[in-house]
Amino acid sequence: MDIHSLHLESLEYFATRSFTLQSEGTRVMMFYPHISPIYLTIPSHGQSRTIYLQNKAWHSYEEQFLSEALKDIPAHFAAYKKAAKYVHFCSRALASKKTLTSYTAWLKSITFLSPFIVLPFAIERTIEPELRQHISSLLYDEIARPSRLSEFERMRLGSLSLAATGNAAIAEELAKKYYWYSEYSYAERLLDKTYFLEEAKKLTQEEISLQKKALLQRKKPSFEKIDIKMRSKAMLAHLYTFLRTDRVDQLKKAQVRIRLFYAWLAKRHKISYDDILLLTNDEIIHLLETGALPRLSVLEQRRSPYVYCYDGSDHFFFNKEVEIITHHLQTPAGQSVQGKVAFPGSVMGKVCIIRSKIDLEKVGPGDILVTHHTIPEYISAMEKSAGIVTDEGGMTSHAAIIARELKKPCVVGTKHATTTFKEGDLVEVDANKGIIRKINL
């Protein structure tokens, strides 16, 4: 495959996430071929990579599945739970059996999560604008707040109990129950007792009390106040304030089991665990079938920046081709970006770009936190910031939900904020109109 065969003009930004090649393989199973006939990623920063999908196919699939979900929301939720259960079943089977059959079954199981991965984006694109237009801001705010506790929030309640009591046994229980939470790409350090003890030390008694109160304040939206024509859309949007996070949590739990399979495979073939993560799905299948590994020079090349594309086969682009493809896909830096208002307000401050958890300590009071998307670990930095801007997201996104709780000006779904602005830029966040402008002094 050459660059011209990629049809770059048909690709659209989807998301930026932390990846190894094997976690790319997991995502390939989610998207190819039913959501997009082409899955492509380019290097971002550190271990992060940016995903691009074929826009027409992706949006067509979204619309189809959104229509099905709206017909019977309880059935949709039941289908989600069934899919998650099957993913867990297959991950346990692979961790214990370590066979070709169990590996291919694991890959197949990921496809059952596909609809639930893309549906939040369909909600952002179609349902959110309708809800904003047809219901009051008060009702909209109720719908946009989750009424169920997420895994992170349950973990946080446990951490608050640990901080309040200093009981080390609580830290041990938290580590047993939530060790998987830091999982994203099969390579992260998992949570242990020490992590929870250190986190507990950071909290004052006042913070413990305030955070516990905030976490336990749950209210179901008054759906009966919404016009019958909009009610099912409001109910689905509200369901995804929970599912948007939970679908990722279920995958994390499954992926930590797959680490056992990778470790076994590395030991059996006398290579490092990190080398296993440089293999594609097809190469692991070939390894299980024949015992043959790719040449070490092939794996070594993958340690350098590359563009990865899957269209039924694996394709890699290196060196100058990476520059050409990246330049074509990335939007040139400008003076402003526009997105969706998550919480209104207006504020000025210096840009602090967060690309991973490592960057969180950079955020100071009065900074404008700019990131691809937020995750629960970002909350302390969000509290310090004066405003929040994300490339991704809508009303059900983590950034939007937390910004409303913190009452901080927030604009989500800008697509290009992290590439438009540079660290230290002075910007104005107009979260009444959803515009962020660079201020030239």
Foldseek 3Di string as FASTA:
>chain_A
DDPVVQPLVQKDWDFKDQAFQALVQLVCLLCPPQQALKWKWFDDPDRIITIIGRPVSNLVSLVVVVVVCLVDVVVVVVLQVVLLVQLQVLLLCCLPVVALVSLVSNSNSSNSCNNLQSNQVVLQVPVVVVCVVADDPVLLLLLLAAQDAAPVLVLVLLLLVCLVPVDLVSLQVSCVVQQLVVDDYLDDHTDHSVNSSVVSVVDDPVRSVVSVVVSPDGDHGPLVVGPPVSSSSSVVSSVLLHSNVRSSVSVSVSSNSVNSSLCVLCVVLVHDSSLSSLDHSVQVSVCSVPVDHPDVVVSVQSVATWMWMDSPDTDIDDDPSSVVSVVVNADAADFKFFAAQLAFDKAKAFEQEDEDLVSLVVQAAAYEYEYQADDPSNLVSVLRYQEYEHCADHSSGPVSNSCVVSNHTYGYNRNHPNPRDDGGFMWMQGSVRRMIGTDDD
